[in-house]
Protein backbone atom coordinates (compact mmCIF):
# COMPACT_ATOMS: atom_id res chain seq x y z
CA UNK A 1 23.95 -7.56 27.40
CA UNK A 2 21.36 -5.99 28.14
CA UNK A 3 17.64 -6.42 26.15
CA UNK A 4 17.79 -3.27 24.55
CA UNK A 5 21.24 -4.15 23.23
CA UNK A 6 22.19 -6.67 20.43
CA UNK A 7 25.69 -7.22 18.64
CA UNK A 8 26.65 -8.17 15.20
CA UNK A 9 29.26 -9.61 14.59
CA UNK A 10 31.94 -11.29 11.38
CA UNK A 11 30.07 -8.94 9.01
CA UNK A 12 31.13 -7.10 6.15
CA UNK A 13 30.05 -3.13 7.46
CA UNK A 14 29.81 -1.06 4.45
CA UNK A 15 30.81 2.29 5.96
CA UNK A 16 31.38 5.75 4.13
CA UNK A 17 34.50 4.74 2.24
CA UNK A 18 35.03 1.38 3.06
CA UNK A 19 33.94 -1.66 4.08
CA UNK A 20 35.38 -4.04 6.50
CA UNK A 21 35.44 -6.96 8.78
CA UNK A 22 33.95 -5.93 11.72
CA UNK A 23 31.44 -5.85 14.59
CA UNK A 24 28.20 -3.52 15.34
CA UNK A 25 26.14 -2.86 18.46
CA UNK A 26 22.65 -1.88 18.66
CA UNK A 27 21.75 -0.19 21.57
CA UNK A 28 18.05 1.72 22.01
CA UNK A 29 16.89 1.60 18.47
CA UNK A 30 20.26 3.47 17.69
CA UNK A 31 23.82 2.35 16.51
CA UNK A 32 26.58 2.22 19.68
CA UNK A 33 29.58 1.39 18.16
CA UNK A 34 30.99 0.07 15.45
CA UNK A 35 34.18 -1.89 15.74
CA UNK A 36 37.00 -3.42 13.37
CA UNK A 37 37.12 -7.53 14.36
CA UNK A 38 34.91 -9.86 15.89
CA UNK A 39 33.55 -10.01 19.03
CA UNK A 40 33.36 -12.79 21.71
CA UNK A 41 30.68 -11.17 23.95
CA UNK A 42 28.28 -13.86 24.95
CA UNK A 43 25.12 -13.45 22.89
CA UNK A 44 26.86 -11.49 20.08
CA UNK A 45 24.86 -12.80 16.94
CA UNK A 46 27.42 -14.23 13.79
CA UNK A 47 26.25 -12.98 10.84
CA UNK A 48 29.11 -15.61 9.28
CA UNK A 49 30.30 -13.12 6.68
CA UNK A 50 27.05 -11.78 5.27
CA UNK A 51 27.26 -7.67 4.24
CA UNK A 52 25.71 -5.12 6.84
CA UNK A 53 24.73 -2.24 5.17
CA UNK A 54 22.18 1.22 6.33
CA UNK A 55 19.07 0.04 5.22
CA UNK A 56 17.42 1.65 2.21
CA UNK A 57 16.17 5.00 1.82
CA UNK A 58 13.56 5.23 -0.76
CA UNK A 59 12.08 8.66 -2.48
CA UNK A 60 10.22 7.18 -4.96
CA UNK A 61 7.36 4.48 -5.78
CA UNK A 62 3.98 4.39 -6.67
CA UNK A 63 3.93 0.77 -5.46
CA UNK A 64 1.08 1.61 -2.78
CA UNK A 65 -1.65 2.36 -5.59
CA UNK A 66 -1.02 -1.47 -6.73
CA UNK A 67 -2.31 -2.15 -2.97
CA UNK A 68 -5.17 -0.04 -3.17
CA UNK A 69 -6.65 -1.38 -6.84
CA UNK A 70 -5.00 -4.70 -7.36
CA UNK A 71 -6.92 -4.72 -10.48
CA UNK A 72 -9.02 -2.52 -12.63
CA UNK A 73 -12.24 -1.52 -11.33
CA UNK A 74 -10.90 -3.66 -8.07
CA UNK A 75 -10.46 -1.29 -5.13
CA UNK A 76 -9.10 -2.65 -1.63
CA UNK A 77 -10.13 -1.75 1.70
CA UNK A 78 -7.53 1.12 2.90
CA UNK A 79 -5.72 -0.45 5.71
CA UNK A 80 -5.24 -3.86 4.64
CA UNK A 81 -3.89 -1.97 1.51
CA UNK A 82 -1.69 -0.14 3.57
CA UNK A 83 -0.02 -2.63 5.81
CA UNK A 84 0.42 -5.24 2.75
CA UNK A 85 1.95 -2.59 1.16
CA UNK A 86 4.27 -1.63 4.55
CA UNK A 87 5.21 -5.19 4.50
CA UNK A 88 6.83 -5.80 0.59
CA UNK A 89 8.88 -2.51 1.59
CA UNK A 90 10.26 -4.01 4.15
CA UNK A 91 10.53 -7.48 2.62
CA UNK A 92 12.67 -5.26 0.38
CA UNK A 93 15.42 -3.44 2.61
CA UNK A 94 14.06 -0.37 2.41
CA UNK A 95 13.10 1.35 6.37
CA UNK A 96 12.12 4.55 5.29
CA UNK A 97 9.96 5.46 1.99
CA UNK A 98 8.10 8.18 0.84
CA UNK A 99 4.78 6.78 -0.25
CA UNK A 100 4.87 8.57 -3.39
CA UNK A 101 1.00 9.39 -4.61
CA UNK A 102 -0.32 11.94 -7.40
CA UNK A 103 -2.32 15.01 -7.45
CA UNK A 104 -4.21 14.99 -11.07
CA UNK A 105 -3.98 12.54 -13.52
CA UNK A 106 -4.42 12.94 -17.95
CA UNK A 107 -7.34 10.05 -16.77
CA UNK A 108 -10.43 11.30 -15.10
CA UNK A 109 -11.50 8.33 -14.12
CA UNK A 110 -8.20 7.29 -12.77
CA UNK A 111 -8.51 5.67 -9.23
CA UNK A 112 -5.38 7.66 -8.59
CA UNK A 113 -8.58 10.83 -8.34
CA UNK A 114 -11.03 8.61 -6.49
CA UNK A 115 -8.48 6.98 -4.01
CA UNK A 116 -6.26 9.63 -3.01
CA UNK A 117 -7.65 10.86 0.67
CA UNK A 118 -8.10 7.18 0.90
CA UNK A 119 -4.93 6.09 0.87
CA UNK A 120 -3.37 9.57 3.01
CA UNK A 121 -5.49 8.43 5.73
CA UNK A 122 -4.65 4.70 5.72
CA UNK A 123 -1.23 5.78 5.95
CA UNK A 124 -1.33 7.80 8.06
CA UNK A 125 -3.08 6.13 10.40
CA UNK A 126 -1.07 2.40 10.27
CA UNK A 127 1.36 5.08 11.52
CA UNK A 128 -0.56 6.40 14.25
CA UNK A 129 -1.57 3.09 15.39
CA UNK A 130 1.84 1.86 16.21
CA UNK A 131 1.55 -0.77 12.90
CA UNK A 132 4.22 -0.20 10.31
CA UNK A 133 7.15 -2.21 10.17
CA UNK A 134 8.96 1.02 8.15
CA UNK A 135 9.43 4.49 8.76
CA UNK A 136 6.78 6.27 5.97
CA UNK A 137 6.09 9.63 4.50
CA UNK A 138 4.47 11.16 1.98
CA UNK A 139 5.74 12.49 -1.48
CA UNK A 140 3.02 14.32 -3.80
CA UNK A 141 3.54 14.06 -7.35
CA UNK A 142 2.05 17.07 -9.14
CA UNK A 143 0.39 16.68 -12.36
CA UNK A 144 0.37 20.60 -12.61
CA UNK A 145 -1.20 20.75 -16.10
CA UNK A 146 -4.38 19.40 -14.16
CA UNK A 147 -6.88 21.94 -13.31
CA UNK A 148 -7.12 20.87 -9.67
CA UNK A 149 -3.91 19.89 -9.00
CA UNK A 150 -3.23 23.50 -6.97
CA UNK A 151 -6.77 23.38 -4.43
CA UNK A 152 -5.75 19.25 -3.64
CA UNK A 153 -2.17 20.18 -2.69
CA UNK A 154 -3.24 23.07 -0.50
CA UNK A 155 -5.55 20.59 1.08
CA UNK A 156 -2.59 17.88 1.66
CA UNK A 157 -0.04 20.23 2.45
CA UNK A 158 -0.54 20.28 5.90
CA UNK A 159 -0.01 16.70 6.60
CA UNK A 160 2.52 15.98 8.93
CA UNK A 161 4.01 13.13 6.87
CA UNK A 162 4.74 15.06 3.70
CA UNK A 163 8.41 15.27 3.13
CA UNK A 164 8.49 15.61 -0.60
CA UNK A 165 7.03 17.24 -3.67
CA UNK A 166 7.65 16.50 -7.55
CA UNK A 167 6.17 18.74 -10.08
CA UNK A 168 5.56 16.86 -13.10
CA UNK A 169 3.97 17.79 -16.69
CA UNK A 170 3.09 14.79 -19.17
CA UNK A 171 1.11 16.23 -21.57
CA UNK A 172 1.61 15.31 -24.99
CA UNK A 173 5.04 17.14 -27.30
CA UNK A 174 7.55 17.84 -24.34
CA UNK A 175 9.61 16.16 -21.16
CA UNK A 176 8.87 11.67 -21.42
CA UNK A 177 6.74 12.50 -24.41
CA UNK A 178 8.94 14.73 -26.45
CA UNK A 179 7.70 12.64 -29.33
CA UNK A 180 3.95 13.09 -30.54
CA UNK A 181 4.10 9.73 -31.95
CA UNK A 182 5.47 7.95 -28.80
CA UNK A 183 2.45 9.50 -26.78
CA UNK A 184 -0.43 8.94 -29.19
CA UNK A 185 0.83 4.49 -29.01
CA UNK A 186 1.62 4.35 -25.29
CA UNK A 187 -1.96 6.12 -24.29
CA UNK A 188 -3.77 4.98 -27.24
CA UNK A 189 -3.04 1.60 -26.43
CA UNK A 190 -3.40 2.05 -22.53
CA UNK A 191 -6.97 3.59 -23.17
CA UNK A 192 -7.93 1.62 -26.52
CA UNK A 193 -8.65 4.96 -27.85
CA UNK A 194 -10.21 5.26 -32.12
CA UNK A 195 -7.57 7.97 -33.59
CA UNK A 196 -10.44 10.68 -33.44
CA UNK A 197 -10.94 10.50 -29.27
CA UNK A 198 -7.49 10.00 -29.13
CA UNK A 199 -6.79 13.31 -31.23
CA UNK A 200 -9.29 15.04 -28.63
CA UNK A 201 -7.25 13.19 -25.68
CA UNK A 202 -4.29 14.95 -27.34
CA UNK A 203 -5.70 18.32 -27.73
CA UNK A 204 -7.19 18.77 -23.95
CA UNK A 205 -3.87 17.61 -22.33
CA UNK A 206 -1.88 19.98 -24.56
CA UNK A 207 -4.67 22.89 -23.75
CA UNK A 208 -4.82 22.30 -20.01
CA UNK A 209 -1.17 22.47 -20.41
CA UNK A 210 -0.47 25.59 -21.74
CA UNK A 211 -3.21 27.05 -18.99
CA UNK A 212 -1.89 25.57 -15.74
CA UNK A 213 1.88 23.81 -15.50
CA UNK A 214 3.53 27.18 -15.20
CA UNK A 215 1.37 28.81 -12.51
CA UNK A 216 1.15 25.65 -11.10
CA UNK A 217 4.73 25.33 -10.45
CA UNK A 218 5.11 28.40 -9.50
CA UNK A 219 2.84 28.19 -6.82
CA UNK A 220 3.57 24.54 -5.46
CA UNK A 221 7.42 25.50 -5.50
CA UNK A 222 6.91 28.97 -3.41
CA UNK A 223 4.67 27.07 -1.25
CA UNK A 224 7.23 24.10 -0.41
CA UNK A 225 10.04 27.13 -0.26
CA UNK A 226 7.50 27.93 2.68
CA UNK A 227 7.20 25.13 4.49
CA UNK A 228 10.53 23.99 4.42
CA UNK A 229 9.48 20.87 1.82
CA UNK A 230 12.22 19.11 -0.39
CA UNK A 231 11.32 19.77 -4.14
CA UNK A 232 11.82 17.52 -7.02
CA UNK A 233 11.85 17.85 -10.70
CA UNK A 234 10.42 15.12 -12.82
CA UNK A 235 11.71 13.76 -16.93
CA UNK A 236 13.34 17.15 -17.52
CA UNK A 237 14.73 16.55 -20.85
CA UNK A 238 16.73 20.36 -21.62
CA UNK A 239 19.50 22.60 -19.93
CA UNK A 240 16.27 25.27 -19.97
CA UNK A 241 13.98 22.72 -17.61
CA UNK A 242 17.20 22.29 -15.70
CA UNK A 243 17.67 25.81 -15.07
CA UNK A 244 13.76 26.35 -14.26
CA UNK A 245 13.78 23.59 -11.84
CA UNK A 246 17.29 25.57 -10.10
CA UNK A 247 15.17 28.50 -10.19
CA UNK A 248 12.02 26.74 -7.82
CA UNK A 249 14.94 25.71 -5.34
CA UNK A 250 14.54 21.53 -6.54
CA UNK A 251 16.84 19.14 -4.37
CA UNK A 252 15.85 16.10 -6.37
CA UNK A 253 16.07 15.24 -10.94
CA UNK A 254 14.14 12.46 -10.79
CA UNK A 255 14.45 10.88 -13.92
CA UNK A 256 16.08 13.15 -16.17
CA UNK A 257 15.18 11.75 -19.91
CA UNK A 258 18.41 12.46 -21.71
CA UNK A 259 22.36 13.10 -20.81
CA UNK A 260 22.43 17.04 -21.00
CA UNK A 261 19.61 16.84 -18.51
CA UNK A 262 20.95 14.63 -16.42
CA UNK A 263 24.21 15.96 -16.30
CA UNK A 264 23.35 20.10 -15.64
CA UNK A 265 21.17 18.83 -13.23
CA UNK A 266 24.86 16.94 -11.43
CA UNK A 267 26.49 20.61 -12.37
CA UNK A 268 23.52 22.61 -10.41
CA UNK A 269 23.79 20.63 -6.70
CA UNK A 270 21.11 18.64 -7.66
CA UNK A 271 20.92 14.83 -6.79
CA UNK A 272 20.10 13.37 -9.86
CA UNK A 273 17.41 10.42 -9.58
CA UNK A 274 17.10 7.19 -11.83
CA UNK A 275 14.66 3.75 -11.76
CA UNK A 276 16.83 0.81 -10.30
CA UNK A 277 14.87 -1.12 -12.96
CA UNK A 278 16.45 0.33 -15.29
CA UNK A 279 19.63 -0.91 -14.08
CA UNK A 280 18.26 -4.16 -13.79
CA UNK A 281 16.88 -4.47 -17.07
CA UNK A 282 19.46 -2.73 -18.43
CA UNK A 283 17.59 0.49 -19.76
CA UNK A 284 14.57 2.75 -19.77
CA UNK A 285 11.50 0.89 -21.30
CA UNK A 286 10.35 4.13 -22.21
CA UNK A 287 13.22 4.57 -24.51
CA UNK A 288 15.28 7.21 -22.46
CA UNK A 289 18.73 7.86 -21.27
CA UNK A 290 20.19 4.71 -19.40
CA UNK A 291 20.64 4.68 -16.11
CA UNK A 292 24.13 2.66 -16.54
CA UNK A 293 25.28 5.39 -18.58
CA UNK A 294 24.92 7.86 -16.07
CA UNK A 295 26.74 5.73 -13.70
CA UNK A 296 30.08 5.30 -16.24
CA UNK A 297 29.64 9.58 -16.64
CA UNK A 298 29.86 9.51 -12.37
CA UNK A 299 25.94 11.86 -13.03
CA UNK A 300 23.74 9.37 -10.96
CA UNK A 301 23.18 10.34 -7.40
CA UNK A 302 20.27 8.42 -6.23
CA UNK A 303 18.44 5.23 -7.66
CA UNK A 304 14.57 4.52 -6.88
CA UNK A 305 12.64 1.31 -7.54
CA UNK A 306 10.09 3.14 -8.73
CA UNK A 307 7.46 0.40 -9.38
CA UNK A 308 9.38 -2.77 -7.75
CA UNK A 309 10.69 -2.88 -4.80
CA UNK A 310 12.76 -5.54 -4.71
CA UNK A 311 14.71 -3.78 -7.73
CA UNK A 312 16.42 -1.68 -5.50
CA UNK A 313 18.63 -3.76 -3.48
CA UNK A 314 19.34 -5.88 -6.62
CA UNK A 315 20.29 -2.50 -8.65
CA UNK A 316 23.04 -0.98 -5.93
CA UNK A 317 25.19 -4.52 -6.13
CA UNK A 318 24.99 -3.63 -9.64
CA UNK A 319 26.11 -0.30 -10.09
CA UNK A 320 28.92 -1.81 -7.66
CA UNK A 321 29.79 -4.50 -10.47
CA UNK A 322 29.98 -2.39 -13.21
CA UNK A 323 32.74 -2.33 -15.51
CA UNK A 324 32.41 1.10 -14.93
CA UNK A 325 30.82 1.20 -11.80
CA UNK A 326 30.85 2.94 -8.10
CA UNK A 327 32.84 1.10 -5.13
CA UNK A 328 30.28 -0.39 -2.99
CA UNK A 329 30.01 2.37 -0.70
CA UNK A 330 29.16 4.73 -3.17
CA UNK A 331 26.70 2.53 -4.96
CA UNK A 332 25.00 1.39 -1.26
CA UNK A 333 25.29 5.30 -0.83
CA UNK A 334 22.72 5.88 -4.08
CA UNK A 335 20.18 4.41 -2.01
CA UNK A 336 21.29 5.47 1.70
CA UNK A 337 23.17 8.38 2.53
CA UNK A 338 22.50 10.45 -0.55
CA UNK A 339 18.18 10.41 -0.73
CA UNK A 340 18.12 10.98 3.34
CA UNK A 341 20.33 13.66 3.04
CA UNK A 342 18.58 14.87 -0.34
CA UNK A 343 15.39 15.13 1.94
CA UNK A 344 16.71 16.45 4.69
CA UNK A 345 16.77 13.14 6.99
CA UNK A 346 20.28 13.69 8.88
CA UNK A 347 19.59 10.46 11.20
CA UNK A 348 19.86 7.48 9.31
CA UNK A 349 21.36 6.37 5.46
CA UNK A 350 25.27 5.49 7.00
CA UNK A 351 26.64 3.19 9.24
CA UNK A 352 27.89 5.77 12.24
CA UNK A 353 27.53 5.37 15.67
CA UNK A 354 24.62 7.54 16.57
CA UNK A 355 22.58 7.25 14.05
CA UNK A 356 19.39 5.28 13.67
CA UNK A 357 19.53 1.32 13.71
CA UNK A 358 18.20 0.87 9.75
CA UNK A 359 20.09 -2.56 8.98
CA UNK A 360 20.20 -4.94 6.08
CA UNK A 361 21.78 -8.13 6.49
CA UNK A 362 22.51 -9.48 2.77
CA UNK A 363 24.34 -12.02 1.62
CA UNK A 364 25.82 -12.57 -2.24
CA UNK A 365 24.97 -15.87 -4.01
CA UNK A 366 26.27 -16.38 -7.43
CA UNK A 367 26.41 -12.45 -7.50
CA UNK A 368 23.14 -12.06 -6.51
CA UNK A 369 22.04 -10.00 -2.99
CA UNK A 370 19.44 -12.07 -0.59
CA UNK A 371 17.89 -10.08 2.18
CA UNK A 372 18.83 -11.94 5.19
CA UNK A 373 17.31 -9.82 8.09
CA UNK A 374 16.13 -6.42 8.13
CA UNK A 375 16.03 -3.78 11.30
CA UNK A 376 14.23 -0.78 11.89
CA UNK A 377 15.28 1.45 14.36
CA UNK A 378 16.76 -1.46 15.53
CA UNK A 379 13.64 -3.69 15.92
CA UNK A 380 13.93 -7.05 13.65
CA UNK A 381 10.72 -6.09 11.13
CA UNK A 382 12.13 -8.88 8.72
């Protein structure tokens, strides 16, 4: 066995449509072979019956922001923050991550405004310097109701890391906040506003949405189509929202808030994404449709860790264990093959000869997946 070859044997291999007991060979950063049965080759690593599955592909996480601002009004140096985030991705089994950064925010004093360029630059730098453990891409979350969103998008749209753009509108009275009372409770508590200040805040957000959302949504979607960038919708709630998203060439339906929107998105060929924390916690923290309900309907296509990276691997196995859940290969595909395909990455997300050796070795203890090893392009990173 050469220095560039690794043999992993006595493993449960999660393939596209089945789980087999077998052996996987890594050579020069790629999967060279998959065989049934055990290998007797010298130097083969005995996986002791652990499960081998593809590395997780995360399309939507704002986890990096937490490292740039670990506490309110506390900002952290860029490279250190990016590397700490990268380490957590590897430790969570996420080998490809689309780091979500927001353009536009309802809070004009938010660190998202101040740190946007720094986050993008720090991410690019650790990738360029070969310091990253996992494969990082950029996901621009565009708040289309913000006055400066289009200009900021155009300034960042040439980044070589950019691979996904989502179109959002968090104005009151629609989508995630169809209930004005729910909007008021959430933001009044978050920003400690009195009633008069809250009324003015809501009026500003509604006015901005009416003035900018439609124009920005059309312009950004057109730019993405020209550049071949994948588009995601966000918080669609009605069939009309879904029809609009489909018209713009949307590939991923992020966090639809209702059953009708999820089913319509799935029928339209968009991959329906739900949050892994929704699965782990047993429901949406916002009171929207539960991910488990969409699993039962067969319309949940992609899982995302969203705000809690370790939830992704946990949710995969929970979906496989549900009474009306998915078989393990399909459950694994929600965090590997399907998200990879949705953004045009055809070199990962499956255990198959010729693909990148992005791999996880997992042991189930009391039905909970314990991550034991992580490889990115054949290099052990955890």
